[in-house]
Amino acid sequence: MSEVASFLEGRIVIDPEVCNGRPVIRGKRMTVQSVLEFLGAGDSEADILEAYPMLEAEDVRACLQFAGQLMGQRYDLLRVA
């Protein structure tokens, strides 16, 4: 049995058994990355919700919040031979 991580009141889930362990929206097979890519391509929240009616506005916002939290981490660059 794999270990599952949950974030933002369960809206974002990381399960090694789902989508190769990529963060997904609350048990659906919609990755956070996909939602962010749609937004980055110029799609609006309304566009995404129309195309994927199983999502809620709070899911889209959770993806943005999750990405913001990741970017708030400290990152160290390692030199590779």
C-alpha atoms as a PDB file:
ATOM      1  CA  MET A   1       0.000   0.000   0.000  1.00  0.00           C
ATOM      2  CA  SER A   2       1.431   3.358  -1.021  1.00  0.00           C
ATOM      3  CA  GLU A   3       1.580   6.517   1.031  1.00  0.00           C
ATOM      4  CA  VAL A   4      -0.712   9.361  -0.079  1.00  0.00           C
ATOM      5  CA  ALA A   5      -0.151  13.063   0.604  1.00  0.00           C
ATOM      6  CA  SER A   6      -2.995  15.558   0.684  1.00  0.00           C
ATOM      7  CA  PHE A   7      -2.807  19.363   0.477  1.00  0.00           C
ATOM      8  CA  LEU A   8      -5.171  22.322   0.633  1.00  0.00           C
ATOM      9  CA  GLU A   9      -7.960  20.568   2.499  1.00  0.00           C
ATOM     10  CA  GLY A  10      -7.713  17.512   0.277  1.00  0.00           C
ATOM     11  CA  ARG A  11      -8.122  19.322  -3.037  1.00  0.00           C
ATOM     12  CA  ILE A  12      -4.612  18.351  -4.175  1.00  0.00           C
ATOM     13  CA  VAL A  13      -3.478  14.749  -3.726  1.00  0.00           C
ATOM     14  CA  ILE A  14      -0.217  12.959  -4.464  1.00  0.00           C
ATOM     15  CA  ASP A  15      -0.584   9.201  -4.735  1.00  0.00           C
ATOM     16  CA  PRO A  16       2.184   7.106  -6.317  1.00  0.00           C
ATOM     17  CA  GLU A  17      -0.544   4.872  -7.789  1.00  0.00           C
ATOM     18  CA  VAL A  18      -2.319   7.718  -9.642  1.00  0.00           C
ATOM     19  CA  CYS A  19      -0.820   9.529 -12.657  1.00  0.00           C
ATOM     20  CA  ASN A  20       2.692   8.316 -11.819  1.00  0.00           C
ATOM     21  CA  GLY A  21       2.670  10.198  -8.518  1.00  0.00           C
ATOM     22  CA  ARG A  22       2.027  13.618 -10.020  1.00  0.00           C
ATOM     23  CA  PRO A  23      -0.171  15.981  -7.995  1.00  0.00           C
ATOM     24  CA  VAL A  24      -3.805  15.606  -9.066  1.00  0.00           C
ATOM     25  CA  ILE A  25      -7.059  17.277  -8.184  1.00  0.00           C
ATOM     26  CA  ARG A  26      -8.861  15.402  -5.381  1.00  0.00           C
ATOM     27  CA  GLY A  27      -8.782  11.875  -6.694  1.00  0.00           C
ATOM     28  CA  LYS A  28      -9.445  12.757 -10.305  1.00  0.00           C
ATOM     29  CA  ARG A  29      -6.943  12.009 -13.001  1.00  0.00           C
ATOM     30  CA  MET A  30      -6.543  15.699 -13.790  1.00  0.00           C
ATOM     31  CA  THR A  31      -3.040  16.846 -12.909  1.00  0.00           C
ATOM     32  CA  VAL A  32      -2.225  20.186 -11.355  1.00  0.00           C
ATOM     33  CA  GLN A  33       0.271  20.624 -14.182  1.00  0.00           C
ATOM     34  CA  SER A  34      -2.480  20.323 -16.813  1.00  0.00           C
ATOM     35  CA  VAL A  35      -4.578  23.021 -15.163  1.00  0.00           C
ATOM     36  CA  LEU A  36      -1.560  25.322 -14.874  1.00  0.00           C
ATOM     37  CA  GLU A  37      -0.674  24.726 -18.528  1.00  0.00           C
ATOM     38  CA  PHE A  38      -4.236  25.629 -19.591  1.00  0.00           C
ATOM     39  CA  LEU A  39      -4.032  28.849 -17.588  1.00  0.00           C
ATOM     40  CA  GLY A  40      -0.570  29.584 -18.979  1.00  0.00           C
ATOM     41  CA  ALA A  41      -1.882  29.105 -22.521  1.00  0.00           C
ATOM     42  CA  GLY A  42      -4.488  31.798 -21.887  1.00  0.00           C
ATOM     43  CA  ASP A  43      -7.517  29.709 -20.968  1.00  0.00           C
ATOM     44  CA  SER A  44      -9.664  31.270 -18.275  1.00  0.00           C
ATOM     45  CA  GLU A  45     -10.976  29.540 -15.183  1.00  0.00           C
ATOM     46  CA  ALA A  46     -14.402  29.553 -16.881  1.00  0.00           C
ATOM     47  CA  ASP A  47     -12.931  27.875 -19.991  1.00  0.00           C
ATOM     48  CA  ILE A  48     -11.425  25.100 -17.884  1.00  0.00           C
ATOM     49  CA  LEU A  49     -14.617  24.552 -15.901  1.00  0.00           C
ATOM     50  CA  GLU A  50     -16.653  24.369 -19.106  1.00  0.00           C
ATOM     51  CA  ALA A  51     -14.270  21.822 -20.642  1.00  0.00           C
ATOM     52  CA  TYR A  52     -14.008  19.781 -17.427  1.00  0.00           C
ATOM     53  CA  PRO A  53     -17.363  19.968 -15.611  1.00  0.00           C
ATOM     54  CA  MET A  54     -16.164  17.576 -12.893  1.00  0.00           C
ATOM     55  CA  LEU A  55     -13.920  20.379 -11.605  1.00  0.00           C
ATOM     56  CA  GLU A  56     -14.937  23.224  -9.323  1.00  0.00           C
ATOM     57  CA  ALA A  57     -13.627  26.789  -9.280  1.00  0.00           C
ATOM     58  CA  GLU A  58     -11.932  26.001  -5.957  1.00  0.00           C
ATOM     59  CA  ASP A  59      -9.962  23.221  -7.683  1.00  0.00           C
ATOM     60  CA  VAL A  60      -8.479  25.650 -10.209  1.00  0.00           C
ATOM     61  CA  ARG A  61      -7.587  28.086  -7.434  1.00  0.00           C
ATOM     62  CA  ALA A  62      -6.056  25.253  -5.400  1.00  0.00           C
ATOM     63  CA  CYS A  63      -3.755  24.462  -8.341  1.00  0.00           C
ATOM     64  CA  LEU A  64      -2.516  28.038  -8.363  1.00  0.00           C
ATOM     65  CA  GLN A  65      -2.103  28.077  -4.604  1.00  0.00           C
ATOM     66  CA  PHE A  66      -0.219  24.755  -4.672  1.00  0.00           C
ATOM     67  CA  ALA A  67       2.142  26.058  -7.366  1.00  0.00           C
ATOM     68  CA  GLY A  68       2.702  29.211  -5.334  1.00  0.00           C
ATOM     69  CA  GLN A  69       3.584  27.160  -2.278  1.00  0.00           C
ATOM     70  CA  LEU A  70       6.071  25.113  -4.299  1.00  0.00           C
ATOM     71  CA  MET A  71       7.723  28.253  -5.619  1.00  0.00           C
ATOM     72  CA  GLY A  72       8.021  29.555  -2.068  1.00  0.00           C
ATOM     73  CA  GLN A  73      10.495  26.781  -1.234  1.00  0.00           C
ATOM     74  CA  ARG A  74      14.236  27.249  -1.219  1.00  0.00           C
ATOM     75  CA  TYR A  75      16.072  25.586  -4.082  1.00  0.00           C
ATOM     76  CA  ASP A  76      19.785  24.801  -4.282  1.00  0.00           C
ATOM     77  CA  LEU A  77      21.544  24.293  -7.585  1.00  0.00           C
ATOM     78  CA  LEU A  78      23.897  21.333  -7.648  1.00  0.00           C
ATOM     79  CA  ARG A  79      26.799  21.138 -10.012  1.00  0.00           C
ATOM     80  CA  VAL A  80      26.830  17.931 -12.004  1.00  0.00           C
ATOM     81  CA  ALA A  81      30.266  16.729 -13.086  1.00  0.00           C
END
